[in-house]
Amino acid sequence: MGFNMQKLMKQAQKMQQDMARVQEELSNTEVEGVSGGGMVRVTANGNSEILSISIDPEIIDPEDAEMLEDMVLAAVKDALAAAAALSAEKMSSVAGGMSLPGMRF
């Protein structure tokens, strides 16, 4: 059973191309985080970039800014968790076909 460097290099090149394609897909895929029963919505892309924040005017209370801050933070965390899960799923599908010593996918 010999080590085939050319085959390994082809696999690495294909994996690099696939990862670039997945990165592009992730940047064009939107996920959403919500809190307050949908009163606060945060949209992010699969690369964990926040794209927009929507706040229902009904929950804006000048006397309780802390509640709104907490709901925005919760929605951001929810969106980023969704983006991380999507990214991990997409990347594992690319990297799953190739195994190198010391690399885990």
PDB file of N, CA and C in Angstrom:
ATOM      1  N   MET A   1       0.851  -1.171   0.000  1.00  0.00           N
ATOM      2  CA  MET A   1       0.000   0.000   0.000  1.00  0.00           C
ATOM      3  C   MET A   1       0.895   1.232   0.000  1.00  0.00           C
ATOM      4  N   GLY A   2       1.055   1.873  -1.136  1.00  0.00           N
ATOM      5  CA  GLY A   2       1.956   3.013  -1.254  1.00  0.00           C
ATOM      6  C   GLY A   2       1.236   4.330  -1.056  1.00  0.00           C
ATOM      7  N   PHE A   3       2.018   5.305  -0.689  1.00  0.00           N
ATOM      8  CA  PHE A   3       1.507   6.667  -0.484  1.00  0.00           C
ATOM      9  C   PHE A   3       1.541   7.385  -1.826  1.00  0.00           C
ATOM     10  N   ASN A   4       0.393   7.875  -2.275  1.00  0.00           N
ATOM     11  CA  ASN A   4       0.299   8.503  -3.579  1.00  0.00           C
ATOM     12  C   ASN A   4       0.165  10.012  -3.410  1.00  0.00           C
ATOM     13  N   MET A   5       1.307  10.727  -3.539  1.00  0.00           N
ATOM     14  CA  MET A   5       1.343  12.167  -3.331  1.00  0.00           C
ATOM     15  C   MET A   5       0.493  12.916  -4.359  1.00  0.00           C
ATOM     16  N   GLN A   6       0.503  12.470  -5.600  1.00  0.00           N
ATOM     17  CA  GLN A   6      -0.273  13.143  -6.647  1.00  0.00           C
ATOM     18  C   GLN A   6      -1.768  13.067  -6.339  1.00  0.00           C
ATOM     19  N   LYS A   7      -2.213  11.906  -5.901  1.00  0.00           N
ATOM     20  CA  LYS A   7      -3.627  11.746  -5.552  1.00  0.00           C
ATOM     21  C   LYS A   7      -3.983  12.648  -4.369  1.00  0.00           C
ATOM     22  N   LEU A   8      -3.102  12.708  -3.396  1.00  0.00           N
ATOM     23  CA  LEU A   8      -3.328  13.554  -2.232  1.00  0.00           C
ATOM     24  C   LEU A   8      -3.408  15.028  -2.628  1.00  0.00           C
ATOM     25  N   MET A   9      -2.544  15.457  -3.524  1.00  0.00           N
ATOM     26  CA  MET A   9      -2.550  16.852  -3.978  1.00  0.00           C
ATOM     27  C   MET A   9      -3.844  17.172  -4.739  1.00  0.00           C
ATOM     28  N   LYS A  10      -4.320  16.241  -5.558  1.00  0.00           N
ATOM     29  CA  LYS A  10      -5.581  16.448  -6.267  1.00  0.00           C
ATOM     30  C   LYS A  10      -6.746  16.554  -5.283  1.00  0.00           C
ATOM     31  N   GLN A  11      -6.726  15.693  -4.267  1.00  0.00           N
ATOM     32  CA  GLN A  11      -7.775  15.747  -3.253  1.00  0.00           C
ATOM     33  C   GLN A  11      -7.744  17.092  -2.529  1.00  0.00           C
ATOM     34  N   ALA A  12      -6.543  17.557  -2.182  1.00  0.00           N
ATOM     35  CA  ALA A  12      -6.415  18.828  -1.472  1.00  0.00           C
ATOM     36  C   ALA A  12      -6.898  19.979  -2.346  1.00  0.00           C
ATOM     37  N   GLN A  13      -6.581  19.962  -3.617  1.00  0.00           N
ATOM     38  CA  GLN A  13      -7.013  21.018  -4.535  1.00  0.00           C
ATOM     39  C   GLN A  13      -8.535  21.023  -4.674  1.00  0.00           C
ATOM     40  N   LYS A  14      -9.117  19.837  -4.806  1.00  0.00           N
ATOM     41  CA  LYS A  14     -10.581  19.745  -4.909  1.00  0.00           C
ATOM     42  C   LYS A  14     -11.233  20.240  -3.623  1.00  0.00           C
ATOM     43  N   MET A  15     -10.661  19.867  -2.480  1.00  0.00           N
ATOM     44  CA  MET A  15     -11.211  20.293  -1.204  1.00  0.00           C
ATOM     45  C   MET A  15     -11.140  21.822  -1.087  1.00  0.00           C
ATOM     46  N   GLN A  16     -10.055  22.417  -1.526  1.00  0.00           N
ATOM     47  CA  GLN A  16      -9.906  23.864  -1.477  1.00  0.00           C
ATOM     48  C   GLN A  16     -10.975  24.538  -2.352  1.00  0.00           C
ATOM     49  N   GLN A  17     -11.198  23.999  -3.543  1.00  0.00           N
ATOM     50  CA  GLN A  17     -12.224  24.547  -4.430  1.00  0.00           C
ATOM     51  C   GLN A  17     -13.620  24.391  -3.811  1.00  0.00           C
ATOM     52  N   ASP A  18     -13.866  23.222  -3.221  1.00  0.00           N
ATOM     53  CA  ASP A  18     -15.167  22.987  -2.585  1.00  0.00           C
ATOM     54  C   ASP A  18     -15.378  23.930  -1.403  1.00  0.00           C
ATOM     55  N   MET A  19     -14.333  24.170  -0.628  1.00  0.00           N
ATOM     56  CA  MET A  19     -14.450  25.059   0.527  1.00  0.00           C
ATOM     57  C   MET A  19     -14.716  26.493   0.071  1.00  0.00           C
ATOM     58  N   ALA A  20     -14.092  26.922  -1.012  1.00  0.00           N
ATOM     59  CA  ALA A  20     -14.346  28.264  -1.545  1.00  0.00           C
ATOM     60  C   ALA A  20     -15.804  28.372  -2.000  1.00  0.00           C
ATOM     61  N   ARG A  21     -16.316  27.319  -2.629  1.00  0.00           N
ATOM     62  CA  ARG A  21     -17.713  27.308  -3.060  1.00  0.00           C
ATOM     63  C   ARG A  21     -18.648  27.378  -1.853  1.00  0.00           C
ATOM     64  N   VAL A  22     -18.332  26.616  -0.810  1.00  0.00           N
ATOM     65  CA  VAL A  22     -19.170  26.615   0.387  1.00  0.00           C
ATOM     66  C   VAL A  22     -19.127  27.986   1.071  1.00  0.00           C
ATOM     67  N   GLN A  23     -17.961  28.611   1.126  1.00  0.00           N
ATOM     68  CA  GLN A  23     -17.865  29.951   1.725  1.00  0.00           C
ATOM     69  C   GLN A  23     -18.778  30.931   0.983  1.00  0.00           C
ATOM     70  N   GLU A  24     -18.793  30.823  -0.338  1.00  0.00           N
ATOM     71  CA  GLU A  24     -19.657  31.686  -1.152  1.00  0.00           C
ATOM     72  C   GLU A  24     -21.126  31.394  -0.844  1.00  0.00           C
ATOM     73  N   GLU A  25     -21.474  30.118  -0.749  1.00  0.00           N
ATOM     74  CA  GLU A  25     -22.848  29.743  -0.408  1.00  0.00           C
ATOM     75  C   GLU A  25     -23.237  30.297   0.956  1.00  0.00           C
ATOM     76  N   LEU A  26     -22.321  30.177   1.927  1.00  0.00           N
ATOM     77  CA  LEU A  26     -22.606  30.657   3.276  1.00  0.00           C
ATOM     78  C   LEU A  26     -22.833  32.168   3.295  1.00  0.00           C
ATOM     79  N   SER A  27     -22.047  32.895   2.509  1.00  0.00           N
ATOM     80  CA  SER A  27     -22.216  34.355   2.503  1.00  0.00           C
ATOM     81  C   SER A  27     -23.542  34.758   1.873  1.00  0.00           C
ATOM     82  N   ASN A  28     -24.125  33.881   1.064  1.00  0.00           N
ATOM     83  CA  ASN A  28     -25.398  34.174   0.412  1.00  0.00           C
ATOM     84  C   ASN A  28     -26.598  33.508   1.087  1.00  0.00           C
ATOM     85  N   THR A  29     -26.364  32.803   2.200  1.00  0.00           N
ATOM     86  CA  THR A  29     -27.437  32.121   2.913  1.00  0.00           C
ATOM     87  C   THR A  29     -27.746  32.882   4.197  1.00  0.00           C
ATOM     88  N   GLU A  30     -29.009  33.175   4.416  1.00  0.00           N
ATOM     89  CA  GLU A  30     -29.410  33.927   5.596  1.00  0.00           C
ATOM     90  C   GLU A  30     -30.029  33.012   6.640  1.00  0.00           C
ATOM     91  N   VAL A  31     -29.731  33.318   7.904  1.00  0.00           N
ATOM     92  CA  VAL A  31     -30.339  32.647   9.049  1.00  0.00           C
ATOM     93  C   VAL A  31     -30.920  33.738   9.940  1.00  0.00           C
ATOM     94  N   GLU A  32     -31.824  33.351  10.815  1.00  0.00           N
ATOM     95  CA  GLU A  32     -32.470  34.352  11.658  1.00  0.00           C
ATOM     96  C   GLU A  32     -32.447  33.919  13.114  1.00  0.00           C
ATOM     97  N   GLY A  33     -32.250  34.890  13.969  1.00  0.00           N
ATOM     98  CA  GLY A  33     -32.360  34.678  15.409  1.00  0.00           C
ATOM     99  C   GLY A  33     -33.502  35.530  15.912  1.00  0.00           C
ATOM    100  N   VAL A  34     -34.246  35.006  16.868  1.00  0.00           N
ATOM    101  CA  VAL A  34     -35.391  35.749  17.395  1.00  0.00           C
ATOM    102  C   VAL A  34     -35.395  35.700  18.917  1.00  0.00           C
ATOM    103  N   SER A  35     -36.056  36.691  19.504  1.00  0.00           N
ATOM    104  CA  SER A  35     -36.308  36.677  20.940  1.00  0.00           C
ATOM    105  C   SER A  35     -37.580  37.475  21.194  1.00  0.00           C
ATOM    106  N   GLY A  36     -38.039  37.418  22.412  1.00  0.00           N
ATOM    107  CA  GLY A  36     -39.258  38.147  22.762  1.00  0.00           C
ATOM    108  C   GLY A  36     -40.458  37.698  21.958  1.00  0.00           C
ATOM    109  N   GLY A  37     -40.528  36.410  21.669  1.00  0.00           N
ATOM    110  CA  GLY A  37     -41.656  35.895  20.905  1.00  0.00           C
ATOM    111  C   GLY A  37     -41.717  36.457  19.496  1.00  0.00           C
ATOM    112  N   GLY A  38     -40.553  36.763  18.945  1.00  0.00           N
ATOM    113  CA  GLY A  38     -40.501  37.281  17.581  1.00  0.00           C
ATOM    114  C   GLY A  38     -40.496  38.799  17.506  1.00  0.00           C
ATOM    115  N   MET A  39     -40.491  39.468  18.658  1.00  0.00           N
ATOM    116  CA  MET A  39     -40.501  40.933  18.672  1.00  0.00           C
ATOM    117  C   MET A  39     -39.146  41.510  18.244  1.00  0.00           C
ATOM    118  N   VAL A  40     -38.095  40.731  18.451  1.00  0.00           N
ATOM    119  CA  VAL A  40     -36.758  41.134  18.003  1.00  0.00           C
ATOM    120  C   VAL A  40     -36.253  40.045  17.073  1.00  0.00           C
ATOM    121  N   ARG A  41     -35.830  40.464  15.879  1.00  0.00           N
ATOM    122  CA  ARG A  41     -35.312  39.535  14.878  1.00  0.00           C
ATOM    123  C   ARG A  41     -33.962  40.027  14.387  1.00  0.00           C
ATOM    124  N   VAL A  42     -33.025  39.095  14.306  1.00  0.00           N
ATOM    125  CA  VAL A  42     -31.689  39.412  13.800  1.00  0.00           C
ATOM    126  C   VAL A  42     -31.407  38.477  12.640  1.00  0.00           C
ATOM    127  N   THR A  43     -31.026  39.054  11.519  1.00  0.00           N
ATOM    128  CA  THR A  43     -30.679  38.267  10.341  1.00  0.00           C
ATOM    129  C   THR A  43     -29.168  38.301  10.177  1.00  0.00           C
ATOM    130  N   ALA A  44     -28.595  37.119   9.957  1.00  0.00           N
ATOM    131  CA  ALA A  44     -27.156  36.988   9.727  1.00  0.00           C
ATOM    132  C   ALA A  44     -26.962  36.106   8.511  1.00  0.00           C
ATOM    133  N   ASN A  45     -25.765  36.104   7.973  1.00  0.00           N
ATOM    134  CA  ASN A  45     -25.481  35.145   6.906  1.00  0.00           C
ATOM    135  C   ASN A  45     -24.715  33.970   7.494  1.00  0.00           C
ATOM    136  N   GLY A  46     -24.452  32.979   6.677  1.00  0.00           N
ATOM    137  CA  GLY A  46     -23.774  31.775   7.140  1.00  0.00           C
ATOM    138  C   GLY A  46     -22.339  32.003   7.553  1.00  0.00           C
ATOM    139  N   ASN A  47     -21.784  33.183   7.263  1.00  0.00           N
ATOM    140  CA  ASN A  47     -20.433  33.534   7.702  1.00  0.00           C
ATOM    141  C   ASN A  47     -20.455  34.342   8.995  1.00  0.00           C
ATOM    142  N   SER A  48     -21.569  34.321   9.700  1.00  0.00           N
ATOM    143  CA  SER A  48     -21.740  35.001  10.990  1.00  0.00           C
ATOM    144  C   SER A  48     -21.629  36.519  10.903  1.00  0.00           C
ATOM    145  N   GLU A  49     -22.036  37.075   9.778  1.00  0.00           N
ATOM    146  CA  GLU A  49     -22.085  38.526   9.638  1.00  0.00           C
ATOM    147  C   GLU A  49     -23.526  38.970   9.864  1.00  0.00           C
ATOM    148  N   ILE A  50     -23.733  39.902  10.799  1.00  0.00           N
ATOM    149  CA  ILE A  50     -25.069  40.410  11.072  1.00  0.00           C
ATOM    150  C   ILE A  50     -25.497  41.295   9.908  1.00  0.00           C
ATOM    151  N   LEU A  51     -26.654  40.990   9.328  1.00  0.00           N
ATOM    152  CA  LEU A  51     -27.150  41.727   8.175  1.00  0.00           C
ATOM    153  C   LEU A  51     -28.213  42.755   8.551  1.00  0.00           C
ATOM    154  N   SER A  52     -29.054  42.418   9.518  1.00  0.00           N
ATOM    155  CA  SER A  52     -30.100  43.366   9.921  1.00  0.00           C
ATOM    156  C   SER A  52     -30.636  43.008  11.303  1.00  0.00           C
ATOM    157  N   ILE A  53     -31.213  44.027  11.937  1.00  0.00           N
ATOM    158  CA  ILE A  53     -31.892  43.856  13.226  1.00  0.00           C
ATOM    159  C   ILE A  53     -33.242  44.542  13.105  1.00  0.00           C
ATOM    160  N   SER A  54     -34.298  43.826  13.487  1.00  0.00           N
ATOM    161  CA  SER A  54     -35.651  44.367  13.426  1.00  0.00           C
ATOM    162  C   SER A  54     -36.248  44.315  14.830  1.00  0.00           C
ATOM    163  N   ILE A  55     -36.770  45.455  15.283  1.00  0.00           N
ATOM    164  CA  ILE A  55     -37.368  45.543  16.615  1.00  0.00           C
ATOM    165  C   ILE A  55     -38.794  46.053  16.462  1.00  0.00           C
ATOM    166  N   ASP A  56     -39.743  45.284  16.980  1.00  0.00           N
ATOM    167  CA  ASP A  56     -41.139  45.699  16.953  1.00  0.00           C
ATOM    168  C   ASP A  56     -41.288  46.916  17.878  1.00  0.00           C
ATOM    169  N   PRO A  57     -41.837  48.012  17.373  1.00  0.00           N
ATOM    170  CA  PRO A  57     -41.965  49.227  18.185  1.00  0.00           C
ATOM    171  C   PRO A  57     -42.736  49.027  19.487  1.00  0.00           C
ATOM    172  N   GLU A  58     -43.604  48.019  19.537  1.00  0.00           N
ATOM    173  CA  GLU A  58     -44.398  47.773  20.753  1.00  0.00           C
ATOM    174  C   GLU A  58     -43.539  47.485  21.975  1.00  0.00           C
ATOM    175  N   ILE A  59     -42.343  46.935  21.768  1.00  0.00           N
ATOM    176  CA  ILE A  59     -41.534  46.564  22.932  1.00  0.00           C
ATOM    177  C   ILE A  59     -40.555  47.652  23.349  1.00  0.00           C
ATOM    178  N   ILE A  60     -40.555  48.768  22.661  1.00  0.00           N
ATOM    179  CA  ILE A  60     -39.634  49.849  23.015  1.00  0.00           C
ATOM    180  C   ILE A  60     -40.226  50.629  24.185  1.00  0.00           C
ATOM    181  N   ASP A  61     -39.577  50.488  25.310  1.00  0.00           N
ATOM    182  CA  ASP A  61     -40.006  51.162  26.539  1.00  0.00           C
ATOM    183  C   ASP A  61     -38.831  51.993  27.044  1.00  0.00           C
ATOM    184  N   PRO A  62     -38.914  53.309  26.922  1.00  0.00           N
ATOM    185  CA  PRO A  62     -37.799  54.162  27.355  1.00  0.00           C
ATOM    186  C   PRO A  62     -37.442  53.973  28.834  1.00  0.00           C
ATOM    187  N   GLU A  63     -38.378  53.474  29.597  1.00  0.00           N
ATOM    188  CA  GLU A  63     -38.124  53.257  31.031  1.00  0.00           C
ATOM    189  C   GLU A  63     -37.409  51.932  31.295  1.00  0.00           C
ATOM    190  N   ASP A  64     -37.343  51.065  30.288  1.00  0.00           N
ATOM    191  CA  ASP A  64     -36.728  49.753  30.504  1.00  0.00           C
ATOM    192  C   ASP A  64     -35.847  49.380  29.312  1.00  0.00           C
ATOM    193  N   ALA A  65     -34.810  50.167  29.102  1.00  0.00           N
ATOM    194  CA  ALA A  65     -33.881  49.901  27.999  1.00  0.00           C
ATOM    195  C   ALA A  65     -33.158  48.574  28.195  1.00  0.00           C
ATOM    196  N   GLU A  66     -32.923  48.180  29.427  1.00  0.00           N
ATOM    197  CA  GLU A  66     -32.195  46.937  29.709  1.00  0.00           C
ATOM    198  C   GLU A  66     -32.919  45.718  29.152  1.00  0.00           C
ATOM    199  N   MET A  67     -34.230  45.701  29.242  1.00  0.00           N
ATOM    200  CA  MET A  67     -35.000  44.570  28.702  1.00  0.00           C
ATOM    201  C   MET A  67     -34.781  44.462  27.193  1.00  0.00           C
ATOM    202  N   LEU A  68     -34.856  45.600  26.494  1.00  0.00           N
ATOM    203  CA  LEU A  68     -34.656  45.604  25.050  1.00  0.00           C
ATOM    204  C   LEU A  68     -33.234  45.182  24.696  1.00  0.00           C
ATOM    205  N   GLU A  69     -32.261  45.676  25.443  1.00  0.00           N
ATOM    206  CA  GLU A  69     -30.865  45.279  25.212  1.00  0.00           C
ATOM    207  C   GLU A  69     -30.702  43.769  25.364  1.00  0.00           C
ATOM    208  N   ASP A  70     -31.317  43.203  26.400  1.00  0.00           N
ATOM    209  CA  ASP A  70     -31.229  41.759  26.632  1.00  0.00           C
ATOM    210  C   ASP A  70     -31.882  40.980  25.490  1.00  0.00           C
ATOM    211  N   MET A  71     -33.005  41.477  24.983  1.00  0.00           N
ATOM    212  CA  MET A  71     -33.686  40.778  23.892  1.00  0.00           C
ATOM    213  C   MET A  71     -32.879  40.866  22.597  1.00  0.00           C
ATOM    214  N   VAL A  72     -32.252  42.006  22.341  1.00  0.00           N
ATOM    215  CA  VAL A  72     -31.402  42.138  21.157  1.00  0.00           C
ATOM    216  C   VAL A  72     -30.208  41.196  21.281  1.00  0.00           C
ATOM    217  N   LEU A  73     -29.591  41.170  22.441  1.00  0.00           N
ATOM    218  CA  LEU A  73     -28.449  40.281  22.659  1.00  0.00           C
ATOM    219  C   LEU A  73     -28.849  38.816  22.468  1.00  0.00           C
ATOM    220  N   ALA A  74     -30.004  38.429  22.996  1.00  0.00           N
ATOM    221  CA  ALA A  74     -30.470  37.043  22.844  1.00  0.00           C
ATOM    222  C   ALA A  74     -30.706  36.706  21.379  1.00  0.00           C
ATOM    223  N   ALA A  75     -31.298  37.626  20.628  1.00  0.00           N
ATOM    224  CA  ALA A  75     -31.558  37.373  19.207  1.00  0.00           C
ATOM    225  C   ALA A  75     -30.256  37.297  18.417  1.00  0.00           C
ATOM    226  N   VAL A  76     -29.287  38.133  18.755  1.00  0.00           N
ATOM    227  CA  VAL A  76     -27.978  38.077  18.087  1.00  0.00           C
ATOM    228  C   VAL A  76     -27.309  36.734  18.362  1.00  0.00           C
ATOM    229  N   LYS A  77     -27.318  36.314  19.614  1.00  0.00           N
ATOM    230  CA  LYS A  77     -26.717  35.015  19.959  1.00  0.00           C
ATOM    231  C   LYS A  77     -27.417  33.877  19.219  1.00  0.00           C
ATOM    232  N   ASP A  78     -28.735  33.955  19.115  1.00  0.00           N
ATOM    233  CA  ASP A  78     -29.513  32.933  18.415  1.00  0.00           C
ATOM    234  C   ASP A  78     -29.130  32.894  16.932  1.00  0.00           C
ATOM    235  N   ALA A  79     -29.009  34.064  16.310  1.00  0.00           N
ATOM    236  CA  ALA A  79     -28.628  34.132  14.894  1.00  0.00           C
ATOM    237  C   ALA A  79     -27.219  33.599  14.680  1.00  0.00           C
ATOM    238  N   LEU A  80     -26.288  33.966  15.553  1.00  0.00           N
ATOM    239  CA  LEU A  80     -24.907  33.503  15.403  1.00  0.00           C
ATOM    240  C   LEU A  80     -24.791  31.998  15.636  1.00  0.00           C
ATOM    241  N   ALA A  81     -25.596  31.461  16.549  1.00  0.00           N
ATOM    242  CA  ALA A  81     -25.603  30.011  16.766  1.00  0.00           C
ATOM    243  C   ALA A  81     -26.126  29.295  15.526  1.00  0.00           C
ATOM    244  N   ALA A  82     -27.167  29.851  14.909  1.00  0.00           N
ATOM    245  CA  ALA A  82     -27.715  29.256  13.683  1.00  0.00           C
ATOM    246  C   ALA A  82     -26.688  29.325  12.555  1.00  0.00           C
ATOM    247  N   ALA A  83     -25.964  30.447  12.462  1.00  0.00           N
ATOM    248  CA  ALA A  83     -24.940  30.600  11.428  1.00  0.00           C
ATOM    249  C   ALA A  83     -23.803  29.595  11.654  1.00  0.00           C
ATOM    250  N   ALA A  84     -23.389  29.415  12.905  1.00  0.00           N
ATOM    251  CA  ALA A  84     -22.315  28.473  13.217  1.00  0.00           C
ATOM    252  C   ALA A  84     -22.734  27.043  12.891  1.00  0.00           C
ATOM    253  N   ALA A  85     -23.975  26.692  13.203  1.00  0.00           N
ATOM    254  CA  ALA A  85     -24.468  25.340  12.906  1.00  0.00           C
ATOM    255  C   ALA A  85     -24.517  25.103  11.399  1.00  0.00           C
ATOM    256  N   LEU A  86     -24.986  26.087  10.656  1.00  0.00           N
ATOM    257  CA  LEU A  86     -25.036  25.967   9.202  1.00  0.00           C
ATOM    258  C   LEU A  86     -23.633  25.830   8.621  1.00  0.00           C
ATOM    259  N   SER A  87     -22.704  26.645   9.100  1.00  0.00           N
ATOM    260  CA  SER A  87     -21.329  26.604   8.619  1.00  0.00           C
ATOM    261  C   SER A  87     -20.690  25.248   8.913  1.00  0.00           C
ATOM    262  N   ALA A  88     -20.877  24.746  10.131  1.00  0.00           N
ATOM    263  CA  ALA A  88     -20.300  23.452  10.506  1.00  0.00           C
ATOM    264  C   ALA A  88     -20.860  22.339   9.632  1.00  0.00           C
ATOM    265  N   GLU A  89     -22.157  22.394   9.375  1.00  0.00           N
ATOM    266  CA  GLU A  89     -22.794  21.370   8.528  1.00  0.00           C
ATOM    267  C   GLU A  89     -22.220  21.399   7.112  1.00  0.00           C
ATOM    268  N   LYS A  90     -22.127  22.598   6.536  1.00  0.00           N
ATOM    269  CA  LYS A  90     -21.622  22.727   5.162  1.00  0.00           C
ATOM    270  C   LYS A  90     -20.151  22.339   5.065  1.00  0.00           C
ATOM    271  N   MET A  91     -19.356  22.780   6.021  1.00  0.00           N
ATOM    272  CA  MET A  91     -17.916  22.497   5.981  1.00  0.00           C
ATOM    273  C   MET A  91     -17.639  21.009   6.205  1.00  0.00           C
ATOM    274  N   SER A  92     -18.397  20.378   7.079  1.00  0.00           N
ATOM    275  CA  SER A  92     -18.160  18.954   7.321  1.00  0.00           C
ATOM    276  C   SER A  92     -18.499  18.129   6.090  1.00  0.00           C
ATOM    277  N   SER A  93     -19.456  18.594   5.295  1.00  0.00           N
ATOM    278  CA  SER A  93     -19.782  17.856   4.079  1.00  0.00           C
ATOM    279  C   SER A  93     -18.643  17.940   3.071  1.00  0.00           C
ATOM    280  N   VAL A  94     -17.906  19.043   3.076  1.00  0.00           N
ATOM    281  CA  VAL A  94     -16.761  19.202   2.176  1.00  0.00           C
ATOM    282  C   VAL A  94     -15.570  18.419   2.692  1.00  0.00           C
ATOM    283  N   ALA A  95     -15.259  18.587   3.959  1.00  0.00           N
ATOM    284  CA  ALA A  95     -14.053  18.002   4.528  1.00  0.00           C
ATOM    285  C   ALA A  95     -14.203  16.520   4.853  1.00  0.00           C
ATOM    286  N   GLY A  96     -15.425  16.036   4.913  1.00  0.00           N
ATOM    287  CA  GLY A  96     -15.655  14.648   5.296  1.00  0.00           C
ATOM    288  C   GLY A  96     -15.027  13.630   4.376  1.00  0.00           C
ATOM    289  N   GLY A  97     -14.801  13.999   3.126  1.00  0.00           N
ATOM    290  CA  GLY A  97     -14.249  13.052   2.164  1.00  0.00           C
ATOM    291  C   GLY A  97     -12.747  12.926   2.210  1.00  0.00           C
ATOM    292  N   MET A  98     -12.096  13.756   2.994  1.00  0.00           N
ATOM    293  CA  MET A  98     -10.627  13.736   3.002  1.00  0.00           C
ATOM    294  C   MET A  98     -10.137  13.617   4.425  1.00  0.00           C
ATOM    295  N   SER A  99      -9.237  12.725   4.660  1.00  0.00           N
ATOM    296  CA  SER A  99      -8.688  12.600   5.997  1.00  0.00           C
ATOM    297  C   SER A  99      -7.176  12.620   5.925  1.00  0.00           C
ATOM    298  N   LEU A 100      -6.618  13.511   6.716  1.00  0.00           N
ATOM    299  CA  LEU A 100      -5.166  13.598   6.831  1.00  0.00           C
ATOM    300  C   LEU A 100      -4.819  13.422   8.295  1.00  0.00           C
ATOM    301  N   PRO A 101      -3.658  12.877   8.584  1.00  0.00           N
ATOM    302  CA  PRO A 101      -3.279  12.722   9.994  1.00  0.00           C
ATOM    303  C   PRO A 101      -3.331  14.065  10.716  1.00  0.00           C
ATOM    304  N   GLY A 102      -3.958  14.074  11.872  1.00  0.00           N
ATOM    305  CA  GLY A 102      -4.032  15.269  12.684  1.00  0.00           C
ATOM    306  C   GLY A 102      -5.162  16.211  12.321  1.00  0.00           C
ATOM    307  N   MET A 103      -5.906  15.928  11.269  1.00  0.00           N
ATOM    308  CA  MET A 103      -7.032  16.785  10.876  1.00  0.00           C
ATOM    309  C   MET A 103      -8.334  16.084  11.237  1.00  0.00           C
ATOM    310  N   ARG A 104      -9.210  16.812  11.925  1.00  0.00           N
ATOM    311  CA  ARG A 104     -10.509  16.242  12.288  1.00  0.00           C
ATOM    312  C   ARG A 104     -11.596  17.094  11.681  1.00  0.00           C
ATOM    313  N   PHE A 105     -12.567  16.455  11.036  1.00  0.00           N
ATOM    314  CA  PHE A 105     -13.693  17.160  10.428  1.00  0.00           C
ATOM    315  C   PHE A 105     -14.973  16.492  10.836  1.00  0.00           C
TER     316      PHE A 105
END
